[in-house]
Amino acid sequence: MGIYLGDTFPNFEANTTEGKIKFHDWLGDSWGILFSHPADYTPVCTTELGTMAQMAAEFEKRKVKVIALSVDSVYDHECWSKDINAYIEKAPEKKLPFPIISDEKRDLAVQFGMLDPAERNKEGLPLTARAVFVIGPDKKMKLSILYPATTGRNFDEILRVVDSLQLTACKKVATPVNWKVGEDCMVLPNISPEEAAQLFPKGYHTKDLPSGKTYMRFTPQP
């Protein structure tokens, strides 16, 4: 099983460190990020949740709600949170700025296609991979990235991707390689020169190419 881009994200119910949730109600009209972890008390996961805690304000600025998922109990999550806080040199009792879902039976991991068959725990069960799902206010999946259990994620890249998704959701542009906020964007190929002149009052420039084609059009970020 799995979820594809453009699919409506399942309105699942789950127990979390902030109580029971129904996903669509929890998300409301915000953007959302759900990111999964192989297990509690694991080294790479601890660095990831610690980094997300440190970056939580940046996601909040963008009206993005964050929720984590791991295959242990709520009690284990709460105890593990103390280690996460210690890793980022915060008071152990400090509450993490996002909930952690308890998926003890791996029902959600299976439903969302999160399992990594190449990495197994001591019982021989596949570990939950490091999935990242970005969900829009319309409850549809906008982005999916799947990392193996042995590779930690780059949360700066995830923040950059959110900036691109939010921009391109409301403006008729695409963002080129390594794009960051404030840099030039690209005019979509299906926009005529006449429409581009209306949409982009700051103008646009076209890269000269050996093919003579004019598809490389750049404009200041709208």
N, C-alpha and C. Protein backbone atom coordinates (compact mmCIF):
# COMPACT_ATOMS: atom_id res chain seq x y z
N MET A 1 0.84 -1.20 0.00
CA MET A 1 0.00 0.00 0.00
C MET A 1 0.87 1.25 0.00
N GLY A 2 0.29 2.37 -0.20
CA GLY A 2 1.02 3.62 -0.20
C GLY A 2 0.11 4.76 -0.59
N ILE A 3 0.65 5.97 -0.56
CA ILE A 3 -0.10 7.17 -0.91
C ILE A 3 0.68 7.89 -1.99
N TYR A 4 -0.03 8.42 -2.97
CA TYR A 4 0.62 9.06 -4.11
C TYR A 4 0.34 10.56 -4.11
N LEU A 5 1.19 11.30 -4.83
CA LEU A 5 0.99 12.74 -4.95
C LEU A 5 -0.41 13.02 -5.50
N GLY A 6 -1.09 13.96 -4.87
CA GLY A 6 -2.43 14.32 -5.30
C GLY A 6 -3.52 13.53 -4.61
N ASP A 7 -3.15 12.43 -3.93
CA ASP A 7 -4.15 11.67 -3.18
C ASP A 7 -4.61 12.46 -1.96
N THR A 8 -5.86 12.27 -1.58
CA THR A 8 -6.33 12.81 -0.31
C THR A 8 -5.70 11.98 0.81
N PHE A 9 -5.03 12.65 1.74
CA PHE A 9 -4.35 11.93 2.80
C PHE A 9 -5.39 11.32 3.74
N PRO A 10 -5.21 10.06 4.15
CA PRO A 10 -6.22 9.40 4.99
C PRO A 10 -6.53 10.18 6.27
N ASN A 11 -7.78 10.18 6.63
CA ASN A 11 -8.22 10.86 7.86
C ASN A 11 -8.15 9.86 9.01
N PHE A 12 -6.93 9.45 9.33
CA PHE A 12 -6.73 8.41 10.33
C PHE A 12 -6.92 8.95 11.76
N GLU A 13 -7.19 8.04 12.67
CA GLU A 13 -7.22 8.36 14.09
C GLU A 13 -6.03 7.71 14.76
N ALA A 14 -5.45 8.39 15.75
CA ALA A 14 -4.27 7.83 16.41
C ALA A 14 -4.09 8.45 17.78
N ASN A 15 -3.44 7.69 18.64
CA ASN A 15 -3.03 8.22 19.94
C ASN A 15 -1.68 8.90 19.78
N THR A 16 -1.53 10.06 20.41
CA THR A 16 -0.29 10.82 20.31
C THR A 16 0.10 11.33 21.69
N THR A 17 1.25 11.96 21.75
CA THR A 17 1.70 12.56 23.01
C THR A 17 0.85 13.77 23.40
N GLU A 18 -0.03 14.21 22.52
CA GLU A 18 -0.95 15.30 22.85
C GLU A 18 -2.40 14.83 22.84
N GLY A 19 -2.59 13.52 23.03
CA GLY A 19 -3.93 12.96 23.08
C GLY A 19 -4.35 12.35 21.75
N LYS A 20 -5.58 11.85 21.69
CA LYS A 20 -6.08 11.21 20.48
C LYS A 20 -6.43 12.27 19.45
N ILE A 21 -6.08 12.00 18.20
CA ILE A 21 -6.39 12.95 17.12
C ILE A 21 -7.10 12.24 15.98
N LYS A 22 -7.86 13.03 15.23
CA LYS A 22 -8.35 12.64 13.91
C LYS A 22 -7.63 13.57 12.96
N PHE A 23 -6.89 13.02 12.01
CA PHE A 23 -5.88 13.80 11.30
C PHE A 23 -6.44 15.05 10.63
N HIS A 24 -7.52 14.95 9.90
CA HIS A 24 -8.04 16.13 9.19
C HIS A 24 -8.47 17.22 10.17
N ASP A 25 -9.06 16.83 11.30
CA ASP A 25 -9.45 17.82 12.31
C ASP A 25 -8.21 18.46 12.91
N TRP A 26 -7.19 17.65 13.17
CA TRP A 26 -5.95 18.19 13.75
C TRP A 26 -5.29 19.17 12.77
N LEU A 27 -5.30 18.83 11.49
CA LEU A 27 -4.64 19.68 10.49
C LEU A 27 -5.39 20.99 10.27
N GLY A 28 -6.72 20.94 10.29
CA GLY A 28 -7.50 22.15 10.06
C GLY A 28 -7.23 22.71 8.67
N ASP A 29 -7.03 24.03 8.58
CA ASP A 29 -6.75 24.64 7.28
C ASP A 29 -5.27 24.96 7.12
N SER A 30 -4.42 24.27 7.85
CA SER A 30 -2.96 24.47 7.78
C SER A 30 -2.33 23.52 6.77
N TRP A 31 -1.10 23.81 6.42
CA TRP A 31 -0.25 22.82 5.78
C TRP A 31 0.22 21.86 6.88
N GLY A 32 0.65 20.68 6.49
CA GLY A 32 1.12 19.72 7.48
C GLY A 32 2.31 18.92 6.99
N ILE A 33 3.14 18.51 7.94
CA ILE A 33 4.24 17.57 7.67
C ILE A 33 4.11 16.41 8.63
N LEU A 34 4.06 15.21 8.08
CA LEU A 34 4.12 13.99 8.89
C LEU A 34 5.44 13.31 8.57
N PHE A 35 6.25 13.07 9.60
CA PHE A 35 7.52 12.40 9.35
C PHE A 35 7.67 11.22 10.31
N SER A 36 8.08 10.07 9.75
CA SER A 36 8.12 8.83 10.52
C SER A 36 9.55 8.47 10.93
N HIS A 37 9.61 7.58 11.93
CA HIS A 37 10.90 7.17 12.51
C HIS A 37 10.90 5.68 12.77
N PRO A 38 12.06 5.02 12.62
CA PRO A 38 12.13 3.58 12.86
C PRO A 38 11.72 3.17 14.27
N ALA A 39 12.15 3.93 15.29
CA ALA A 39 11.84 3.54 16.67
C ALA A 39 12.32 4.63 17.62
N ASP A 40 11.78 4.58 18.84
CA ASP A 40 12.26 5.48 19.90
C ASP A 40 13.64 5.03 20.38
N TYR A 41 14.33 5.95 21.04
CA TYR A 41 15.64 5.66 21.61
C TYR A 41 16.62 5.16 20.56
N THR A 42 16.56 5.74 19.38
CA THR A 42 17.53 5.42 18.34
C THR A 42 18.30 6.69 18.01
N PRO A 43 19.58 6.57 17.69
CA PRO A 43 20.44 7.76 17.61
C PRO A 43 20.08 8.74 16.51
N VAL A 44 19.87 8.25 15.29
CA VAL A 44 19.59 9.16 14.19
C VAL A 44 18.25 9.87 14.41
N CYS A 45 17.25 9.10 14.87
CA CYS A 45 15.93 9.69 15.14
C CYS A 45 16.02 10.80 16.19
N THR A 46 16.84 10.59 17.19
CA THR A 46 16.98 11.59 18.25
C THR A 46 17.54 12.89 17.69
N THR A 47 18.52 12.79 16.78
CA THR A 47 19.06 14.01 16.17
C THR A 47 17.99 14.70 15.31
N GLU A 48 17.16 13.91 14.63
CA GLU A 48 16.15 14.48 13.75
C GLU A 48 15.07 15.21 14.54
N LEU A 49 14.52 14.55 15.56
CA LEU A 49 13.46 15.20 16.34
C LEU A 49 14.00 16.41 17.09
N GLY A 50 15.26 16.33 17.53
CA GLY A 50 15.86 17.49 18.17
C GLY A 50 15.98 18.66 17.22
N THR A 51 16.41 18.39 15.99
CA THR A 51 16.54 19.45 14.99
C THR A 51 15.17 20.02 14.63
N MET A 52 14.16 19.16 14.47
CA MET A 52 12.82 19.66 14.18
C MET A 52 12.31 20.54 15.31
N ALA A 53 12.60 20.16 16.55
CA ALA A 53 12.19 21.00 17.68
C ALA A 53 12.84 22.38 17.61
N GLN A 54 14.11 22.41 17.21
CA GLN A 54 14.81 23.69 17.09
C GLN A 54 14.28 24.53 15.94
N MET A 55 13.76 23.87 14.89
CA MET A 55 13.28 24.60 13.71
C MET A 55 11.77 24.82 13.72
N ALA A 56 11.10 24.40 14.77
CA ALA A 56 9.64 24.42 14.79
C ALA A 56 9.08 25.81 14.51
N ALA A 57 9.74 26.85 15.01
CA ALA A 57 9.24 28.22 14.80
C ALA A 57 9.24 28.59 13.32
N GLU A 58 10.21 28.08 12.54
CA GLU A 58 10.26 28.37 11.11
C GLU A 58 9.08 27.75 10.38
N PHE A 59 8.71 26.54 10.77
CA PHE A 59 7.55 25.90 10.16
C PHE A 59 6.26 26.59 10.60
N GLU A 60 6.22 27.00 11.85
CA GLU A 60 5.03 27.70 12.35
C GLU A 60 4.80 29.01 11.61
N LYS A 61 5.89 29.72 11.29
CA LYS A 61 5.78 30.97 10.51
C LYS A 61 5.08 30.73 9.18
N ARG A 62 5.28 29.56 8.63
CA ARG A 62 4.72 29.22 7.32
C ARG A 62 3.36 28.52 7.44
N LYS A 63 2.81 28.53 8.66
CA LYS A 63 1.50 27.89 8.93
C LYS A 63 1.53 26.41 8.59
N VAL A 64 2.63 25.76 9.00
CA VAL A 64 2.80 24.33 8.79
C VAL A 64 2.76 23.64 10.15
N LYS A 65 1.85 22.68 10.31
CA LYS A 65 1.79 21.89 11.53
C LYS A 65 2.61 20.62 11.33
N VAL A 66 3.36 20.25 12.35
CA VAL A 66 4.29 19.12 12.26
C VAL A 66 3.84 18.01 13.20
N ILE A 67 3.92 16.78 12.73
CA ILE A 67 3.61 15.63 13.58
C ILE A 67 4.55 14.49 13.22
N ALA A 68 5.08 13.82 14.23
CA ALA A 68 6.00 12.70 14.02
C ALA A 68 5.27 11.39 14.27
N LEU A 69 5.86 10.30 13.80
CA LEU A 69 5.30 8.96 14.00
C LEU A 69 6.42 7.99 14.32
N SER A 70 6.19 7.17 15.36
CA SER A 70 7.14 6.11 15.68
C SER A 70 6.33 4.91 16.18
N VAL A 71 6.95 3.73 16.16
CA VAL A 71 6.19 2.50 16.40
C VAL A 71 6.18 2.08 17.87
N ASP A 72 6.46 3.01 18.76
CA ASP A 72 6.44 2.71 20.19
C ASP A 72 5.23 3.36 20.86
N SER A 73 5.10 3.15 22.16
CA SER A 73 3.94 3.64 22.90
C SER A 73 4.05 5.13 23.20
N VAL A 74 2.91 5.73 23.55
CA VAL A 74 2.91 7.13 23.96
C VAL A 74 3.82 7.32 25.17
N TYR A 75 3.77 6.38 26.10
CA TYR A 75 4.63 6.48 27.28
C TYR A 75 6.11 6.51 26.88
N ASP A 76 6.50 5.62 25.98
CA ASP A 76 7.90 5.61 25.50
C ASP A 76 8.24 6.93 24.81
N HIS A 77 7.30 7.44 24.01
CA HIS A 77 7.53 8.73 23.35
C HIS A 77 7.81 9.83 24.38
N GLU A 78 7.01 9.85 25.42
CA GLU A 78 7.16 10.89 26.44
C GLU A 78 8.49 10.78 27.16
N CYS A 79 8.90 9.55 27.46
CA CYS A 79 10.21 9.35 28.11
C CYS A 79 11.35 9.69 27.15
N TRP A 80 11.22 9.28 25.90
CA TRP A 80 12.24 9.56 24.89
C TRP A 80 12.39 11.06 24.68
N SER A 81 11.30 11.79 24.79
CA SER A 81 11.34 13.25 24.59
C SER A 81 12.35 13.91 25.52
N LYS A 82 12.54 13.34 26.71
CA LYS A 82 13.51 13.91 27.65
C LYS A 82 14.93 13.79 27.08
N ASP A 83 15.21 12.66 26.44
CA ASP A 83 16.52 12.48 25.80
C ASP A 83 16.69 13.45 24.63
N ILE A 84 15.62 13.63 23.87
CA ILE A 84 15.66 14.56 22.73
C ILE A 84 15.97 15.96 23.21
N ASN A 85 15.30 16.38 24.27
CA ASN A 85 15.56 17.71 24.82
C ASN A 85 16.99 17.83 25.34
N ALA A 86 17.48 16.77 25.98
CA ALA A 86 18.86 16.80 26.48
C ALA A 86 19.85 16.93 25.32
N TYR A 87 19.55 16.27 24.21
CA TYR A 87 20.43 16.35 23.04
C TYR A 87 20.56 17.79 22.53
N ILE A 88 19.46 18.55 22.57
CA ILE A 88 19.52 19.94 22.09
C ILE A 88 19.69 20.92 23.25
N GLU A 89 20.09 20.35 24.40
CA GLU A 89 20.43 21.15 25.59
C GLU A 89 19.26 21.99 26.09
N LYS A 90 18.09 21.35 26.12
CA LYS A 90 16.90 21.95 26.72
C LYS A 90 16.57 21.17 27.99
N ALA A 91 15.72 21.76 28.84
CA ALA A 91 15.30 21.06 30.05
C ALA A 91 14.60 19.76 29.66
N PRO A 92 14.96 18.64 30.28
CA PRO A 92 14.37 17.35 29.89
C PRO A 92 12.85 17.32 29.93
N GLU A 93 12.25 18.08 30.86
CA GLU A 93 10.80 18.06 31.01
C GLU A 93 10.08 18.95 30.00
N LYS A 94 10.84 19.73 29.24
CA LYS A 94 10.21 20.64 28.28
C LYS A 94 9.42 19.86 27.24
N LYS A 95 8.21 20.34 26.95
CA LYS A 95 7.35 19.67 25.98
C LYS A 95 7.86 19.93 24.57
N LEU A 96 7.93 18.88 23.75
CA LEU A 96 8.30 19.07 22.35
C LEU A 96 7.21 19.87 21.63
N PRO A 97 7.59 20.70 20.65
CA PRO A 97 6.62 21.57 19.99
C PRO A 97 5.77 20.88 18.93
N PHE A 98 5.69 19.56 18.97
CA PHE A 98 4.86 18.80 18.03
C PHE A 98 4.52 17.46 18.68
N PRO A 99 3.39 16.88 18.31
CA PRO A 99 3.02 15.56 18.85
C PRO A 99 3.76 14.43 18.15
N ILE A 100 3.84 13.29 18.82
CA ILE A 100 4.39 12.06 18.24
C ILE A 100 3.30 11.00 18.27
N ILE A 101 3.01 10.43 17.11
CA ILE A 101 1.99 9.38 16.98
C ILE A 101 2.53 8.06 17.49
N SER A 102 1.69 7.32 18.20
CA SER A 102 2.02 5.95 18.60
C SER A 102 1.43 4.99 17.57
N ASP A 103 2.29 4.25 16.88
CA ASP A 103 1.86 3.29 15.85
C ASP A 103 2.39 1.91 16.23
N GLU A 104 2.02 1.45 17.44
CA GLU A 104 2.60 0.23 17.99
C GLU A 104 2.34 -0.99 17.12
N LYS A 105 1.19 -1.07 16.48
CA LYS A 105 0.86 -2.22 15.64
C LYS A 105 1.31 -2.03 14.20
N ARG A 106 1.96 -0.90 13.90
CA ARG A 106 2.48 -0.58 12.57
C ARG A 106 1.37 -0.48 11.51
N ASP A 107 0.15 -0.25 11.96
CA ASP A 107 -0.95 -0.14 11.01
C ASP A 107 -0.75 1.03 10.05
N LEU A 108 -0.35 2.18 10.59
CA LEU A 108 -0.15 3.36 9.74
C LEU A 108 1.08 3.19 8.87
N ALA A 109 2.14 2.60 9.41
CA ALA A 109 3.36 2.39 8.63
C ALA A 109 3.07 1.54 7.40
N VAL A 110 2.23 0.51 7.57
CA VAL A 110 1.86 -0.34 6.45
C VAL A 110 0.95 0.42 5.48
N GLN A 111 -0.07 1.10 6.02
CA GLN A 111 -1.02 1.83 5.18
C GLN A 111 -0.33 2.89 4.33
N PHE A 112 0.66 3.56 4.90
CA PHE A 112 1.33 4.66 4.20
C PHE A 112 2.55 4.21 3.41
N GLY A 113 2.87 2.91 3.41
CA GLY A 113 4.01 2.41 2.65
C GLY A 113 5.34 2.87 3.20
N MET A 114 5.47 2.88 4.53
CA MET A 114 6.67 3.42 5.18
C MET A 114 7.73 2.38 5.52
N LEU A 115 7.47 1.11 5.31
CA LEU A 115 8.39 0.08 5.79
C LEU A 115 9.61 -0.07 4.88
N ASP A 116 10.76 -0.31 5.49
CA ASP A 116 12.02 -0.50 4.77
C ASP A 116 12.42 -1.97 4.85
N PRO A 117 12.18 -2.76 3.80
CA PRO A 117 12.44 -4.20 3.86
C PRO A 117 13.92 -4.54 4.02
N ALA A 118 14.80 -3.62 3.71
CA ALA A 118 16.23 -3.90 3.79
C ALA A 118 16.79 -3.73 5.21
N GLU A 119 16.04 -3.05 6.09
CA GLU A 119 16.51 -2.82 7.45
C GLU A 119 15.51 -3.44 8.42
N ARG A 120 16.01 -4.29 9.33
CA ARG A 120 15.12 -5.00 10.24
C ARG A 120 15.56 -4.85 11.69
N ASN A 121 14.58 -4.93 12.59
CA ASN A 121 14.90 -4.82 14.02
C ASN A 121 15.33 -6.19 14.56
N LYS A 122 15.55 -6.27 15.87
CA LYS A 122 16.06 -7.53 16.44
C LYS A 122 15.05 -8.67 16.35
N GLU A 123 13.77 -8.34 16.18
CA GLU A 123 12.75 -9.38 16.00
C GLU A 123 12.63 -9.81 14.53
N GLY A 124 13.38 -9.15 13.65
CA GLY A 124 13.33 -9.49 12.23
C GLY A 124 12.26 -8.77 11.46
N LEU A 125 11.58 -7.79 12.09
CA LEU A 125 10.53 -7.03 11.42
C LEU A 125 11.14 -5.85 10.66
N PRO A 126 10.59 -5.53 9.49
CA PRO A 126 11.10 -4.37 8.75
C PRO A 126 10.97 -3.09 9.58
N LEU A 127 12.01 -2.27 9.56
CA LEU A 127 11.95 -0.98 10.25
C LEU A 127 11.08 0.00 9.48
N THR A 128 10.51 0.92 10.21
CA THR A 128 9.80 2.02 9.55
C THR A 128 10.83 2.94 8.92
N ALA A 129 10.69 3.21 7.64
CA ALA A 129 11.63 4.10 6.96
C ALA A 129 11.41 5.54 7.41
N ARG A 130 12.31 6.42 6.97
CA ARG A 130 12.19 7.85 7.31
C ARG A 130 11.39 8.54 6.20
N ALA A 131 10.08 8.47 6.34
CA ALA A 131 9.20 9.10 5.36
C ALA A 131 8.93 10.54 5.74
N VAL A 132 8.75 11.37 4.73
CA VAL A 132 8.30 12.75 4.91
C VAL A 132 7.13 12.98 3.97
N PHE A 133 5.98 13.34 4.53
CA PHE A 133 4.80 13.66 3.74
C PHE A 133 4.43 15.11 4.00
N VAL A 134 4.29 15.89 2.94
CA VAL A 134 3.78 17.26 3.07
C VAL A 134 2.35 17.26 2.55
N ILE A 135 1.43 17.72 3.39
CA ILE A 135 0.01 17.72 3.06
C ILE A 135 -0.49 19.16 3.01
N GLY A 136 -1.27 19.48 1.98
CA GLY A 136 -1.78 20.83 1.83
C GLY A 136 -3.04 21.07 2.64
N PRO A 137 -3.48 22.32 2.71
CA PRO A 137 -4.73 22.64 3.42
C PRO A 137 -5.94 21.94 2.82
N ASP A 138 -5.83 21.50 1.55
CA ASP A 138 -6.92 20.75 0.91
C ASP A 138 -6.86 19.26 1.25
N LYS A 139 -5.94 18.89 2.16
CA LYS A 139 -5.77 17.52 2.65
C LYS A 139 -5.16 16.58 1.61
N LYS A 140 -4.61 17.13 0.54
CA LYS A 140 -3.99 16.31 -0.49
C LYS A 140 -2.47 16.29 -0.31
N MET A 141 -1.85 15.17 -0.68
CA MET A 141 -0.41 15.06 -0.52
C MET A 141 0.30 15.84 -1.62
N LYS A 142 1.18 16.73 -1.18
CA LYS A 142 1.90 17.59 -2.12
C LYS A 142 3.33 17.12 -2.38
N LEU A 143 3.89 16.36 -1.43
CA LEU A 143 5.27 15.92 -1.58
C LEU A 143 5.49 14.68 -0.73
N SER A 144 6.31 13.78 -1.23
CA SER A 144 6.69 12.57 -0.49
C SER A 144 8.17 12.31 -0.69
N ILE A 145 8.90 12.14 0.40
CA ILE A 145 10.31 11.76 0.33
C ILE A 145 10.50 10.57 1.25
N LEU A 146 11.20 9.55 0.78
CA LEU A 146 11.42 8.34 1.58
C LEU A 146 12.91 8.07 1.70
N TYR A 147 13.41 8.13 2.94
CA TYR A 147 14.82 7.85 3.21
C TYR A 147 14.93 6.47 3.87
N PRO A 148 16.04 5.76 3.64
CA PRO A 148 16.24 4.52 4.38
C PRO A 148 16.49 4.81 5.86
N ALA A 149 16.33 3.80 6.69
CA ALA A 149 16.48 3.99 8.14
C ALA A 149 17.87 4.48 8.52
N THR A 150 18.88 4.19 7.69
CA THR A 150 20.26 4.52 8.04
C THR A 150 20.68 5.95 7.65
N THR A 151 19.80 6.69 6.97
CA THR A 151 20.16 8.03 6.48
C THR A 151 19.25 9.09 7.09
N GLY A 152 19.87 10.00 7.84
CA GLY A 152 19.10 11.09 8.45
C GLY A 152 18.68 12.12 7.42
N ARG A 153 17.54 12.76 7.70
CA ARG A 153 16.98 13.74 6.77
C ARG A 153 17.64 15.11 6.89
N ASN A 154 17.48 15.92 5.85
CA ASN A 154 17.97 17.30 5.85
C ASN A 154 16.75 18.22 6.01
N PHE A 155 16.54 18.75 7.20
CA PHE A 155 15.35 19.54 7.45
C PHE A 155 15.43 20.94 6.84
N ASP A 156 16.64 21.42 6.55
CA ASP A 156 16.74 22.66 5.78
C ASP A 156 16.15 22.47 4.39
N GLU A 157 16.39 21.30 3.79
CA GLU A 157 15.82 21.01 2.48
C GLU A 157 14.30 20.90 2.55
N ILE A 158 13.79 20.29 3.61
CA ILE A 158 12.34 20.17 3.75
C ILE A 158 11.70 21.55 3.90
N LEU A 159 12.35 22.44 4.62
CA LEU A 159 11.84 23.81 4.75
C LEU A 159 11.87 24.53 3.40
N ARG A 160 12.94 24.32 2.63
CA ARG A 160 13.05 24.92 1.30
C ARG A 160 11.94 24.41 0.39
N VAL A 161 11.65 23.12 0.48
CA VAL A 161 10.60 22.53 -0.34
C VAL A 161 9.24 23.11 0.02
N VAL A 162 9.00 23.31 1.30
CA VAL A 162 7.73 23.92 1.74
C VAL A 162 7.59 25.31 1.14
N ASP A 163 8.67 26.08 1.15
CA ASP A 163 8.62 27.43 0.55
C ASP A 163 8.24 27.35 -0.92
N SER A 164 8.82 26.39 -1.63
CA SER A 164 8.51 26.23 -3.05
C SER A 164 7.06 25.79 -3.27
N LEU A 165 6.61 24.82 -2.48
CA LEU A 165 5.24 24.32 -2.62
C LEU A 165 4.22 25.43 -2.35
N GLN A 166 4.46 26.22 -1.33
CA GLN A 166 3.51 27.27 -0.99
C GLN A 166 3.50 28.38 -2.04
N LEU A 167 4.67 28.69 -2.59
CA LEU A 167 4.74 29.70 -3.64
C LEU A 167 4.05 29.23 -4.91
N THR A 168 4.38 28.02 -5.35
CA THR A 168 3.86 27.53 -6.63
C THR A 168 2.39 27.12 -6.55
N ALA A 169 1.86 27.00 -5.33
CA ALA A 169 0.44 26.71 -5.17
C ALA A 169 -0.42 27.91 -5.53
N CYS A 170 0.16 29.12 -5.45
CA CYS A 170 -0.65 30.31 -5.71
C CYS A 170 -0.10 31.20 -6.83
N LYS A 171 1.09 30.91 -7.33
CA LYS A 171 1.69 31.68 -8.42
C LYS A 171 2.04 30.75 -9.57
N LYS A 172 1.92 31.24 -10.80
CA LYS A 172 2.18 30.40 -11.97
C LYS A 172 3.67 30.39 -12.32
N VAL A 173 4.44 29.84 -11.38
CA VAL A 173 5.89 29.73 -11.56
C VAL A 173 6.33 28.35 -11.12
N ALA A 174 7.56 28.01 -11.51
CA ALA A 174 8.25 26.83 -10.99
C ALA A 174 9.55 27.32 -10.37
N THR A 175 10.12 26.52 -9.47
CA THR A 175 11.38 26.93 -8.84
C THR A 175 12.51 26.04 -9.37
N PRO A 176 13.60 26.64 -9.82
CA PRO A 176 14.69 25.86 -10.41
C PRO A 176 15.55 25.17 -9.36
N VAL A 177 16.56 24.48 -9.83
CA VAL A 177 17.46 23.73 -8.96
C VAL A 177 18.04 24.63 -7.86
N ASN A 178 18.05 24.10 -6.64
CA ASN A 178 18.64 24.77 -5.47
C ASN A 178 18.01 26.13 -5.15
N TRP A 179 16.81 26.38 -5.65
CA TRP A 179 16.14 27.66 -5.42
C TRP A 179 15.94 27.92 -3.94
N LYS A 180 16.06 29.20 -3.57
CA LYS A 180 15.74 29.65 -2.21
C LYS A 180 14.88 30.90 -2.30
N VAL A 181 14.17 31.18 -1.22
CA VAL A 181 13.27 32.34 -1.18
C VAL A 181 14.02 33.60 -1.59
N GLY A 182 13.41 34.37 -2.50
CA GLY A 182 14.00 35.62 -2.96
C GLY A 182 14.74 35.50 -4.27
N GLU A 183 15.01 34.28 -4.70
CA GLU A 183 15.73 34.08 -5.96
C GLU A 183 14.75 33.99 -7.13
N ASP A 184 15.29 34.13 -8.34
CA ASP A 184 14.45 34.09 -9.54
C ASP A 184 13.72 32.76 -9.66
N CYS A 185 12.51 32.84 -10.19
CA CYS A 185 11.71 31.65 -10.49
C CYS A 185 11.64 31.48 -12.00
N MET A 186 10.97 30.43 -12.43
CA MET A 186 10.84 30.15 -13.86
C MET A 186 9.38 30.26 -14.27
N VAL A 187 9.16 30.87 -15.42
CA VAL A 187 7.82 30.98 -15.98
C VAL A 187 7.41 29.61 -16.53
N LEU A 188 6.20 29.19 -16.21
CA LEU A 188 5.75 27.87 -16.67
C LEU A 188 5.71 27.81 -18.19
N PRO A 189 6.07 26.66 -18.78
CA PRO A 189 6.13 26.55 -20.25
C PRO A 189 4.79 26.77 -20.95
N ASN A 190 3.68 26.52 -20.25
CA ASN A 190 2.38 26.65 -20.91
C ASN A 190 1.81 28.06 -20.86
N ILE A 191 2.60 29.02 -20.38
CA ILE A 191 2.15 30.41 -20.32
C ILE A 191 2.68 31.16 -21.54
N SER A 192 1.80 31.79 -22.26
CA SER A 192 2.18 32.52 -23.47
C SER A 192 2.94 33.78 -23.10
N PRO A 193 3.71 34.34 -24.03
CA PRO A 193 4.40 35.61 -23.76
C PRO A 193 3.43 36.72 -23.35
N GLU A 194 2.26 36.75 -23.96
CA GLU A 194 1.28 37.79 -23.64
C GLU A 194 0.78 37.63 -22.19
N GLU A 195 0.48 36.39 -21.80
CA GLU A 195 0.03 36.16 -20.43
C GLU A 195 1.15 36.42 -19.44
N ALA A 196 2.37 36.03 -19.79
CA ALA A 196 3.51 36.26 -18.91
C ALA A 196 3.72 37.75 -18.64
N ALA A 197 3.51 38.58 -19.68
CA ALA A 197 3.66 40.03 -19.51
C ALA A 197 2.66 40.57 -18.49
N GLN A 198 1.47 39.97 -18.46
CA GLN A 198 0.45 40.41 -17.51
C GLN A 198 0.71 39.86 -16.11
N LEU A 199 1.16 38.61 -16.04
CA LEU A 199 1.35 37.96 -14.74
C LEU A 199 2.58 38.47 -13.99
N PHE A 200 3.59 38.88 -14.75
CA PHE A 200 4.87 39.22 -14.13
C PHE A 200 5.26 40.66 -14.50
N PRO A 201 4.72 41.63 -13.77
CA PRO A 201 4.98 43.04 -14.09
C PRO A 201 6.45 43.43 -13.96
N LYS A 202 7.22 42.65 -13.21
CA LYS A 202 8.65 42.93 -13.09
C LYS A 202 9.41 42.44 -14.33
N GLY A 203 8.68 41.78 -15.21
CA GLY A 203 9.30 41.29 -16.44
C GLY A 203 9.94 39.92 -16.28
N TYR A 204 10.47 39.42 -17.38
CA TYR A 204 11.18 38.15 -17.34
C TYR A 204 12.24 38.18 -18.43
N HIS A 205 13.25 37.35 -18.28
CA HIS A 205 14.27 37.26 -19.33
C HIS A 205 14.39 35.81 -19.79
N THR A 206 14.76 35.65 -21.04
CA THR A 206 14.84 34.33 -21.66
C THR A 206 16.29 33.98 -21.93
N LYS A 207 16.68 32.79 -21.55
CA LYS A 207 18.04 32.32 -21.77
C LYS A 207 18.21 31.88 -23.22
N ASP A 208 19.23 32.42 -23.87
CA ASP A 208 19.53 32.00 -25.24
C ASP A 208 20.09 30.58 -25.23
N LEU A 209 19.53 29.74 -26.08
CA LEU A 209 19.93 28.33 -26.13
C LEU A 209 20.26 27.92 -27.56
N PRO A 210 21.17 26.94 -27.74
CA PRO A 210 21.51 26.50 -29.09
C PRO A 210 20.30 26.01 -29.89
N SER A 211 19.31 25.48 -29.21
CA SER A 211 18.12 24.97 -29.91
C SER A 211 17.27 26.09 -30.48
N GLY A 212 17.49 27.31 -29.97
CA GLY A 212 16.66 28.43 -30.39
C GLY A 212 15.31 28.47 -29.70
N LYS A 213 15.03 27.49 -28.84
CA LYS A 213 13.77 27.44 -28.13
C LYS A 213 13.79 28.41 -26.94
N THR A 214 12.61 28.87 -26.56
CA THR A 214 12.52 29.94 -25.55
C THR A 214 11.84 29.46 -24.26
N TYR A 215 12.13 28.23 -23.87
CA TYR A 215 11.45 27.67 -22.69
C TYR A 215 12.13 28.03 -21.37
N MET A 216 13.36 28.56 -21.41
CA MET A 216 14.07 28.93 -20.18
C MET A 216 13.81 30.40 -19.88
N ARG A 217 12.68 30.67 -19.20
CA ARG A 217 12.28 32.04 -18.88
C ARG A 217 12.34 32.26 -17.38
N PHE A 218 13.05 33.28 -16.97
CA PHE A 218 13.26 33.57 -15.54
C PHE A 218 12.60 34.89 -15.18
N THR A 219 12.01 34.92 -13.97
CA THR A 219 11.36 36.13 -13.50
C THR A 219 11.64 36.29 -12.00
N PRO A 220 11.74 37.53 -11.51
CA PRO A 220 11.89 37.70 -10.06
C PRO A 220 10.74 37.02 -9.31
N GLN A 221 11.04 36.52 -8.13
CA GLN A 221 10.00 35.83 -7.36
C GLN A 221 8.78 36.73 -7.17
N PRO A 222 7.61 36.26 -7.59
CA PRO A 222 6.41 37.09 -7.42
C PRO A 222 5.94 37.11 -5.97
